[in-house]
Amino acid sequence: MTKITIAGRPNTGKSTLFNALTGTRDALVHDRPGVTRDTIYGTLAMRPDCEVRDTAGLEKAKSGIAADSTGMAMDAISSADAILFVVDGRVGLMPEDIEWARLVRRKTHAPVLLLVNKAESVKRLGDIHDFYKLGFGDPVLISAEHKVGFDSILEFLDRVVPMNSPETPKAETRMRVAVLGQPNVGKSTLVNRVIGENRQIVKDEPGVTRDTVKIPVKFYGRDILLMDTAGLRRKSNVRDDVETLSALKSLDAIEKSDVVILVVDATRDIENQALGIAARVYDAGKILCVALNKWDLVEPELRDEKLLKLKHHFTNSFHQIIKPMILAISAETGTGVQNMFKRIYEQWDISNATAPTSLINKIIGELVASRQPPMSRLKRPMKIKFASQTGRHPMRITINVGGASDIPESYTRYLRRGIATALKWEHLPITIEYKKADNPFD
């Protein structure tokens, strides 16, 4: 795929441009400079053969998150096939623009298009001619917010980058795996372990990741779309609007995923916050895998007790799941990571199959024979007439019943457990719906 990198100093509108070019809201947009930290990847809406990268604002820093962010931005610049260098037309040319333009020329020989953003009002623009000092030729006036001037961007790409067929499968065909959890539990370390490079910033402090970063990768024999998300904290602890936006993007990743890996710190007790995230995953009908990270730091004599306690927490907290998938890993060393994905792939394959209707009716018939449904409040017996699988993700069973309509939840749980055990759906969210059978004499 052709690689297009958006670069420039902080707060010039790079993330707004990224969202406009990709037709998404994947990049977090805020008036505060330096919000973007990791490199965000997307596909150009008008040219599906082009990968667009939104980078962190280039900053002078010798250490810390700013230095790591700038280093990753420079890596994206070095490997780019074309650069979109963004400056702020309202504030005019800044000394930082000149410094970074010089650095871009040293790092790459790729063609560069100079974009003067925030140019929707000519009266508010600074001296456009100053931007010629950057050495990137004629500046192109655009407004990323209002999608003005994009024809010039497409003309530039058509001129310098030949149209190619996409080399990788479209993201929609991949299994989408979201990595969620509280801050500082090792989510980005796990993502880096899977992709085999330090693409995500990792620090021993919470709140480093802000955007939901989507990364296509082939791991353990399959093409997947990995989504690294910002850490989720209790609402009472969130007092920053950027963190609020990050949290909303993380929760949105649940809806856009097929599988959620909930990373928890094995050295700490499970918190209600983690159980709350799990509840959202189950309610959304997604496959959940709880990754007990930092397992190598847990004392060996405490491991069995900790694992049993955690499984007890999840089993008693959620009626939708029969047997939670809880696996011990170390993202730092890689121990257990391949096995975790092997188990995830197995469950994904099971969840994509449709059980034969005859088999479902046989299973339910045996369950009913072993334990008859209770009488209704009106002392009428419930008669199960016919059942079939009517949905996946979650696995949905619709049962046609006659007689009683007020089936107690305890009996539904009994049927759910029996069906899950028989069909090997114990790790999958299952819903059972009852449909009143039509009376042929009405």
Protein backbone atom coordinates (compact mmCIF):
# COMPACT_ATOMS: atom_id res chain seq x y z
CA MET A 1 0.00 0.00 0.00
CA THR A 2 1.14 3.54 -0.72
CA LYS A 3 1.99 5.38 2.51
CA ILE A 4 0.89 9.00 2.92
CA THR A 5 2.12 10.73 6.08
CA ILE A 6 0.56 13.90 7.50
CA ALA A 7 3.23 15.92 9.34
CA GLY A 8 3.75 19.30 10.96
CA ARG A 9 4.06 21.04 14.30
CA PRO A 10 1.29 20.66 16.93
CA ASN A 11 -2.18 22.13 16.52
CA THR A 12 -2.11 22.81 12.77
CA GLY A 13 -5.15 20.61 12.11
CA LYS A 14 -3.47 17.35 11.11
CA SER A 15 -5.99 15.11 12.89
CA THR A 16 -8.93 17.02 11.41
CA LEU A 17 -7.37 16.54 7.96
CA PHE A 18 -6.84 12.81 8.67
CA ASN A 19 -10.50 12.34 9.62
CA ALA A 20 -11.65 14.23 6.53
CA LEU A 21 -9.41 12.25 4.16
CA THR A 22 -10.35 8.87 5.64
CA GLY A 23 -14.04 9.66 6.14
CA THR A 24 -13.78 8.60 9.79
CA ARG A 25 -13.52 10.09 13.26
CA ASP A 26 -10.67 7.81 14.26
CA ALA A 27 -8.26 10.61 15.19
CA LEU A 28 -8.99 12.51 18.39
CA VAL A 29 -9.50 16.22 17.65
CA HIS A 30 -9.08 18.91 20.31
CA ASP A 31 -7.99 22.55 20.43
CA ARG A 32 -5.25 21.65 22.86
CA PRO A 33 -1.87 21.10 21.14
CA GLY A 34 -0.13 17.75 21.52
CA VAL A 35 -3.27 15.60 21.88
CA THR A 36 -2.13 13.07 19.27
CA ARG A 37 0.68 10.87 20.56
CA ASP A 38 0.66 7.60 18.65
CA THR A 39 0.63 7.36 14.86
CA ILE A 40 -2.91 6.73 13.63
CA TYR A 41 -3.50 4.67 10.47
CA GLY A 42 -6.38 4.80 8.00
CA THR A 43 -7.31 4.34 4.36
CA LEU A 44 -7.81 7.28 2.00
CA ALA A 45 -11.53 7.33 1.19
CA MET A 46 -11.00 8.35 -2.46
CA ARG A 47 -7.94 6.12 -2.99
CA PRO A 48 -8.28 2.77 -1.18
CA ASP A 49 -4.75 1.87 -2.27
CA CYS A 50 -3.35 4.66 -0.05
CA GLU A 51 -2.68 4.34 3.66
CA VAL A 52 -2.91 7.66 5.51
CA ARG A 53 -0.98 8.24 8.74
CA ASP A 54 -1.75 10.94 11.26
CA THR A 55 1.35 11.75 13.29
CA ALA A 56 2.00 13.56 16.53
CA GLY A 57 2.99 17.20 16.30
CA LEU A 58 6.73 17.59 15.93
CA GLU A 59 8.22 18.94 19.16
CA LYS A 60 11.64 19.63 20.62
CA ALA A 61 12.10 17.18 23.46
CA LYS A 62 15.00 14.96 24.48
CA SER A 63 13.00 12.60 26.68
CA GLY A 64 9.49 11.69 27.78
CA ILE A 65 6.28 11.15 25.83
CA ALA A 66 6.85 14.16 23.54
CA ALA A 67 10.22 12.76 22.45
CA ASP A 68 8.73 9.29 21.83
CA SER A 69 5.82 10.80 19.87
CA THR A 70 8.18 12.87 17.72
CA GLY A 71 10.39 9.84 17.12
CA MET A 72 7.42 7.83 15.87
CA ALA A 73 6.36 10.73 13.65
CA MET A 74 9.84 10.85 12.13
CA ASP A 75 9.69 7.09 11.49
CA ALA A 76 6.41 7.61 9.63
CA ILE A 77 8.01 10.41 7.62
CA SER A 78 11.09 8.34 6.75
CA SER A 79 9.01 5.44 5.38
CA ALA A 80 6.44 7.57 3.54
CA ASP A 81 5.86 7.59 -0.21
CA ALA A 82 4.43 11.12 0.01
CA ILE A 83 4.18 13.80 2.70
CA LEU A 84 1.38 16.25 3.44
CA PHE A 85 3.13 19.00 5.44
CA VAL A 86 0.50 21.02 7.31
CA VAL A 87 0.94 24.60 8.57
CA ASP A 88 -1.52 26.99 10.22
CA GLY A 89 -2.57 29.76 7.85
CA ARG A 90 -4.06 31.88 10.61
CA VAL A 91 -0.92 32.23 12.73
CA GLY A 92 1.42 32.37 9.72
CA LEU A 93 4.92 30.95 9.43
CA MET A 94 6.50 29.90 12.72
CA PRO A 95 10.19 29.20 13.44
CA GLU A 96 9.20 25.59 14.32
CA ASP A 97 7.74 25.17 10.80
CA ILE A 98 11.11 26.06 9.27
CA GLU A 99 13.02 23.73 11.59
CA TRP A 100 10.74 20.78 10.91
CA ALA A 101 10.64 21.38 7.18
CA ARG A 102 14.45 21.19 7.22
CA LEU A 103 14.28 17.96 9.21
CA VAL A 104 11.70 16.43 6.82
CA ARG A 105 13.97 17.17 3.85
CA ARG A 106 16.83 15.40 5.64
CA LYS A 107 14.73 12.36 6.53
CA THR A 108 13.07 11.64 3.19
CA HIS A 109 13.24 12.21 -0.54
CA ALA A 110 9.49 11.62 -0.88
CA PRO A 111 7.46 14.37 -2.60
CA VAL A 112 5.96 16.92 -0.21
CA LEU A 113 2.75 18.92 -0.61
CA LEU A 114 2.61 22.05 1.56
CA LEU A 115 -0.91 22.57 2.94
CA VAL A 116 -1.87 25.91 4.50
CA ASN A 117 -4.77 24.86 6.72
CA LYS A 118 -7.56 26.95 8.30
CA ALA A 119 -7.80 28.99 5.09
CA GLU A 120 -11.60 29.16 4.98
CA SER A 121 -11.42 32.92 5.55
CA VAL A 122 -8.90 34.82 3.43
CA LYS A 123 -9.22 37.87 5.70
CA ARG A 124 -7.90 35.90 8.67
CA LEU A 125 -4.87 34.49 6.85
CA GLY A 126 -1.33 35.61 7.55
CA ASP A 127 1.21 36.32 4.83
CA ILE A 128 0.98 33.29 2.53
CA HIS A 129 4.20 34.20 0.73
CA ASP A 130 6.21 33.51 3.91
CA PHE A 131 5.53 29.81 3.49
CA TYR A 132 7.73 29.69 0.37
CA LYS A 133 10.66 29.82 2.80
CA LEU A 134 9.91 26.19 3.72
CA GLY A 135 11.21 25.08 0.33
CA PHE A 136 8.21 22.90 -0.56
CA GLY A 137 7.05 24.94 -3.53
CA ASP A 138 3.64 26.56 -3.93
CA PRO A 139 1.50 26.45 -0.78
CA VAL A 140 -1.99 24.98 -1.23
CA LEU A 141 -4.80 26.66 0.70
CA ILE A 142 -7.19 24.22 2.39
CA SER A 143 -9.70 23.98 5.19
CA ALA A 144 -9.61 20.53 6.73
CA GLU A 145 -12.68 21.33 8.84
CA HIS A 146 -14.78 22.35 5.82
CA LYS A 147 -13.10 20.01 3.29
CA VAL A 148 -12.02 22.87 1.05
CA GLY A 149 -9.07 22.43 -1.33
CA PHE A 150 -9.06 18.62 -1.30
CA ASP A 151 -9.02 18.46 -5.11
CA SER A 152 -5.44 19.74 -5.02
CA ILE A 153 -4.48 16.96 -2.58
CA LEU A 154 -5.93 14.28 -4.87
CA GLU A 155 -4.26 15.82 -7.93
CA PHE A 156 -0.94 15.75 -6.09
CA LEU A 157 -1.36 12.09 -5.11
CA ASP A 158 -2.45 11.08 -8.63
CA ARG A 159 0.63 12.83 -10.00
CA VAL A 160 3.27 11.43 -7.62
CA VAL A 161 1.75 8.09 -6.62
CA PRO A 162 0.47 5.64 -9.27
CA MET A 163 -2.80 3.88 -8.56
CA ASN A 164 -2.23 0.38 -7.16
CA SER A 165 -4.50 -2.44 -6.12
CA PRO A 166 -4.61 -2.87 -2.34
CA GLU A 167 -1.98 -5.40 -1.26
CA THR A 168 -3.71 -6.42 1.95
CA PRO A 169 -7.25 -7.56 2.68
CA LYS A 170 -9.74 -4.80 3.42
CA ALA A 171 -10.16 -4.11 7.11
CA GLU A 172 -13.81 -5.22 6.93
CA THR A 173 -12.73 -8.78 6.11
CA ARG A 174 -10.43 -9.06 9.12
CA MET A 175 -11.36 -10.13 12.60
CA ARG A 176 -11.43 -6.92 14.64
CA VAL A 177 -9.78 -7.26 18.05
CA ALA A 178 -10.07 -4.39 20.54
CA VAL A 179 -7.66 -4.25 23.48
CA LEU A 180 -9.32 -2.58 26.48
CA GLY A 181 -8.59 -2.10 30.14
CA GLN A 182 -7.78 0.37 32.86
CA PRO A 183 -4.74 2.64 32.53
CA ASN A 184 -1.26 1.17 32.85
CA VAL A 185 -2.22 -2.52 32.72
CA GLY A 186 -0.08 -3.24 29.64
CA LYS A 187 -2.43 -2.76 26.68
CA SER A 188 0.11 -1.03 24.41
CA THR A 189 2.83 -3.49 25.47
CA LEU A 190 0.55 -6.32 24.33
CA VAL A 191 -0.16 -4.56 21.02
CA ASN A 192 3.56 -4.05 20.39
CA ARG A 193 4.16 -7.72 21.19
CA VAL A 194 1.58 -8.82 18.61
CA ILE A 195 2.74 -6.51 15.80
CA GLY A 196 6.39 -7.25 16.53
CA GLU A 197 7.59 -3.65 16.80
CA ASN A 198 7.42 -0.71 19.19
CA ARG A 199 4.72 1.15 17.33
CA GLN A 200 2.74 2.19 20.42
CA ILE A 201 4.22 4.41 23.12
CA VAL A 202 4.74 2.53 26.38
CA LYS A 203 5.42 4.35 29.67
CA ASP A 204 5.08 3.47 33.34
CA GLU A 205 2.39 6.10 33.77
CA PRO A 206 -1.34 6.06 33.08
CA GLY A 207 -3.06 7.92 30.25
CA VAL A 208 -0.29 7.67 27.64
CA THR A 209 -2.55 6.31 24.86
CA ARG A 210 -5.30 8.75 23.89
CA ASP A 211 -6.55 7.69 20.47
CA THR A 212 -7.95 4.33 19.46
CA VAL A 213 -5.23 3.12 17.09
CA LYS A 214 -6.22 0.58 14.42
CA ILE A 215 -3.35 -1.59 13.18
CA PRO A 216 -3.75 -4.27 10.48
CA VAL A 217 -1.43 -7.15 11.31
CA LYS A 218 -0.91 -10.82 10.53
CA PHE A 219 -0.44 -12.77 13.75
CA TYR A 220 -0.31 -16.49 14.32
CA GLY A 221 -1.48 -17.24 10.79
CA ARG A 222 -4.39 -14.80 10.49
CA ASP A 223 -5.00 -11.27 9.28
CA ILE A 224 -6.59 -9.22 12.06
CA LEU A 225 -7.29 -5.58 12.78
CA LEU A 226 -5.88 -4.76 16.20
CA MET A 227 -7.31 -1.77 18.09
CA ASP A 228 -5.28 -0.27 20.92
CA THR A 229 -7.46 1.95 23.12
CA ALA A 230 -7.06 4.54 25.83
CA GLY A 231 -7.26 3.36 29.45
CA LEU A 232 -10.65 3.54 31.11
CA ARG A 233 -11.01 4.98 34.62
CA ARG A 234 -13.98 5.59 36.87
CA LYS A 235 -16.00 8.63 35.83
CA SER A 236 -15.38 10.21 39.22
CA ASN A 237 -11.64 10.18 38.51
CA VAL A 238 -11.95 11.82 35.07
CA ARG A 239 -11.73 15.60 35.17
CA ASP A 240 -10.15 16.25 31.79
CA ASP A 241 -12.21 16.62 28.61
CA VAL A 242 -9.48 15.03 26.47
CA GLU A 243 -9.59 11.93 28.68
CA THR A 244 -13.38 11.95 28.41
CA LEU A 245 -13.16 11.94 24.61
CA SER A 246 -10.54 9.19 24.74
CA ALA A 247 -12.79 7.07 26.97
CA LEU A 248 -15.74 7.50 24.60
CA LYS A 249 -13.57 6.30 21.72
CA SER A 250 -12.49 3.29 23.77
CA LEU A 251 -16.10 2.34 24.51
CA ASP A 252 -17.00 2.87 20.84
CA ALA A 253 -14.27 0.34 19.97
CA ILE A 254 -16.38 -2.34 21.69
CA GLU A 255 -19.20 -1.82 19.19
CA LYS A 256 -16.76 -1.85 16.26
CA SER A 257 -14.96 -5.01 17.37
CA ASP A 258 -15.63 -8.72 17.01
CA VAL A 259 -13.48 -9.73 19.97
CA VAL A 260 -12.44 -7.74 23.05
CA ILE A 261 -9.30 -8.55 25.00
CA LEU A 262 -9.79 -7.09 28.46
CA VAL A 263 -6.33 -6.66 29.95
CA VAL A 264 -6.13 -6.73 33.75
CA ASP A 265 -3.11 -6.47 36.00
CA ALA A 266 -2.56 -9.88 37.60
CA THR A 267 -0.60 -8.30 40.44
CA ARG A 268 -3.69 -6.40 41.63
CA ASP A 269 -7.18 -7.47 42.68
CA ILE A 270 -9.93 -7.29 40.07
CA GLU A 271 -11.80 -3.98 40.30
CA ASN A 272 -15.44 -3.15 39.64
CA GLN A 273 -14.25 -0.98 36.75
CA ALA A 274 -12.95 -4.07 34.93
CA LEU A 275 -16.22 -5.90 35.62
CA GLY A 276 -18.09 -2.90 34.23
CA ILE A 277 -16.10 -3.08 31.00
CA ALA A 278 -16.83 -6.81 30.77
CA ALA A 279 -20.54 -6.09 31.21
CA ARG A 280 -20.47 -3.70 28.25
CA VAL A 281 -18.74 -6.33 26.13
CA TYR A 282 -21.27 -9.03 26.99
CA ASP A 283 -24.21 -6.66 26.47
CA ALA A 284 -22.83 -5.81 23.04
CA GLY A 285 -22.71 -9.52 22.20
CA LYS A 286 -18.95 -9.63 21.64
CA ILE A 287 -16.50 -12.40 22.45
CA LEU A 288 -14.54 -11.53 25.59
CA CYS A 289 -11.10 -12.77 26.55
CA VAL A 290 -9.73 -11.62 29.90
CA ALA A 291 -5.93 -11.38 29.68
CA LEU A 292 -4.29 -11.73 33.09
CA ASN A 293 -1.20 -9.68 32.26
CA LYS A 294 2.03 -9.57 34.29
CA TRP A 295 1.42 -13.18 35.34
CA ASP A 296 5.17 -13.68 35.57
CA LEU A 297 5.22 -11.22 38.48
CA VAL A 298 2.69 -13.21 40.54
CA GLU A 299 4.17 -15.51 43.17
CA PRO A 300 3.77 -19.13 41.98
CA GLU A 301 2.09 -20.25 45.21
CA LEU A 302 -0.61 -17.56 44.77
CA ARG A 303 -1.48 -18.25 41.12
CA ASP A 304 -4.09 -21.01 41.52
CA GLU A 305 -5.98 -19.06 44.18
CA LYS A 306 -5.91 -15.83 42.16
CA LEU A 307 -7.16 -17.55 39.01
CA LEU A 308 -10.01 -19.30 40.84
CA LYS A 309 -11.01 -16.07 42.56
CA LEU A 310 -11.12 -14.18 39.28
CA LYS A 311 -13.19 -16.86 37.53
CA HIS A 312 -15.57 -16.82 40.50
CA HIS A 313 -15.98 -13.04 40.13
CA PHE A 314 -16.86 -13.27 36.44
CA THR A 315 -19.05 -16.38 36.69
CA ASN A 316 -21.19 -14.84 39.43
CA SER A 317 -21.37 -11.41 37.81
CA PHE A 318 -22.67 -12.29 34.33
CA HIS A 319 -25.53 -14.61 33.44
CA GLN A 320 -24.85 -14.20 29.68
CA ILE A 321 -21.69 -16.27 29.81
CA ILE A 322 -21.30 -19.85 31.02
CA LYS A 323 -17.54 -20.08 31.34
CA PRO A 324 -15.44 -16.88 31.08
CA MET A 325 -12.28 -17.15 28.97
CA ILE A 326 -9.54 -16.03 31.38
CA LEU A 327 -5.96 -16.61 30.28
CA ALA A 328 -2.66 -15.77 31.97
CA ILE A 329 -0.08 -13.94 29.85
CA SER A 330 2.98 -11.73 30.03
CA ALA A 331 2.93 -9.06 27.33
CA GLU A 332 6.46 -8.06 28.32
CA THR A 333 7.99 -11.50 27.69
CA GLY A 334 5.40 -12.84 25.24
CA THR A 335 4.51 -15.84 27.41
CA GLY A 336 0.98 -17.09 26.70
CA VAL A 337 0.21 -14.53 23.97
CA GLN A 338 0.16 -17.00 21.07
CA ASN A 339 -1.93 -19.44 23.07
CA MET A 340 -4.38 -16.66 23.88
CA PHE A 341 -4.86 -15.83 20.21
CA LYS A 342 -5.19 -19.53 19.35
CA ARG A 343 -8.09 -19.74 21.81
CA ILE A 344 -9.61 -16.53 20.46
CA TYR A 345 -9.44 -17.82 16.86
CA GLU A 346 -11.11 -21.08 17.93
CA GLN A 347 -14.00 -19.20 19.54
CA TRP A 348 -14.34 -16.87 16.56
CA ASP A 349 -14.64 -19.86 14.20
CA ILE A 350 -17.25 -21.46 16.46
CA SER A 351 -19.22 -18.21 16.64
CA ASN A 352 -19.40 -17.96 12.85
CA ALA A 353 -21.04 -21.35 12.46
CA THR A 354 -24.79 -22.01 12.49
CA ALA A 355 -26.02 -24.98 14.47
CA PRO A 356 -28.46 -27.29 12.64
CA THR A 357 -32.06 -26.70 13.68
CA SER A 358 -32.59 -30.42 14.20
CA LEU A 359 -29.68 -30.53 16.64
CA ILE A 360 -30.95 -27.53 18.61
CA ASN A 361 -34.40 -29.08 18.93
CA LYS A 362 -32.86 -32.38 20.04
CA ILE A 363 -30.77 -30.62 22.71
CA ILE A 364 -33.72 -28.59 24.02
CA GLY A 365 -35.94 -31.65 23.96
CA GLU A 366 -33.49 -33.54 26.16
CA LEU A 367 -33.16 -30.54 28.52
CA VAL A 368 -36.94 -30.24 28.87
CA ALA A 369 -37.29 -33.97 29.45
CA SER A 370 -34.71 -33.75 32.26
CA ARG A 371 -36.31 -30.72 33.87
CA GLN A 372 -39.84 -29.70 33.03
CA PRO A 373 -40.62 -25.98 32.71
CA PRO A 374 -42.40 -24.51 35.72
CA MET A 375 -46.09 -23.63 35.64
CA SER A 376 -47.04 -20.06 34.87
CA ARG A 377 -48.71 -17.73 37.34
CA LEU A 378 -52.01 -18.85 35.82
CA LYS A 379 -51.04 -22.49 36.46
CA ARG A 380 -50.71 -23.19 32.75
CA PRO A 381 -47.89 -25.43 31.50
CA MET A 382 -45.34 -24.07 29.05
CA LYS A 383 -45.02 -26.13 25.89
CA ILE A 384 -41.83 -25.76 23.85
CA LYS A 385 -42.79 -26.42 20.25
CA PHE A 386 -39.84 -25.44 18.05
CA ALA A 387 -36.41 -23.79 18.39
CA SER A 388 -33.76 -22.51 15.98
CA GLN A 389 -30.65 -20.36 15.87
CA THR A 390 -31.67 -16.92 14.64
CA GLY A 391 -28.50 -14.91 15.13
CA ARG A 392 -24.78 -14.79 15.81
CA HIS A 393 -22.61 -12.36 17.78
CA PRO A 394 -24.32 -12.95 20.18
CA MET A 395 -25.51 -16.48 19.58
CA ARG A 396 -29.30 -16.15 19.57
CA ILE A 397 -31.77 -18.99 20.03
CA THR A 398 -35.47 -18.35 19.40
CA ILE A 399 -37.88 -20.79 21.02
CA ASN A 400 -41.51 -21.01 19.94
CA VAL A 401 -43.68 -21.73 22.96
CA GLY A 402 -47.32 -22.39 23.62
CA GLY A 403 -49.19 -21.91 26.86
CA ALA A 404 -47.25 -19.97 29.48
CA SER A 405 -45.56 -16.74 28.45
CA ASP A 406 -43.95 -15.74 31.75
CA ILE A 407 -40.94 -18.07 31.72
CA PRO A 408 -38.72 -17.44 34.76
CA GLU A 409 -35.13 -16.36 34.29
CA SER A 410 -33.91 -19.35 36.29
CA TYR A 411 -35.27 -21.73 33.66
CA THR A 412 -33.80 -19.63 30.86
CA ARG A 413 -30.39 -19.88 32.54
CA TYR A 414 -30.85 -23.65 32.74
CA LEU A 415 -31.56 -23.84 29.00
CA ARG A 416 -28.70 -21.48 28.17
CA ARG A 417 -26.22 -23.54 30.13
CA GLY A 418 -27.40 -26.79 28.58
CA ILE A 419 -27.28 -25.42 25.03
CA ALA A 420 -23.84 -23.88 25.57
CA THR A 421 -22.41 -27.11 26.95
CA ALA A 422 -23.81 -29.23 24.14
CA LEU A 423 -22.67 -26.89 21.34
CA LYS A 424 -19.34 -25.84 22.94
CA TRP A 425 -20.58 -22.25 23.26
CA GLU A 426 -19.48 -21.86 26.91
CA HIS A 427 -17.18 -18.91 26.13
CA LEU A 428 -19.71 -17.13 23.88
CA PRO A 429 -22.47 -14.69 24.84
CA ILE A 430 -25.86 -16.35 24.31
CA THR A 431 -29.36 -14.88 24.30
CA ILE A 432 -32.59 -16.86 24.37
CA GLU A 433 -35.79 -15.34 23.03
CA TYR A 434 -39.29 -16.76 23.36
CA LYS A 435 -41.88 -16.39 20.67
CA LYS A 436 -45.53 -17.10 21.26
CA ALA A 437 -46.60 -19.86 18.88
CA ASP A 438 -49.62 -19.05 16.72
CA ASN A 439 -52.79 -20.96 17.47
CA PRO A 440 -53.97 -22.58 14.23
CA PHE A 441 -57.60 -22.40 15.42
CA ASP A 442 -57.59 -18.61 15.93
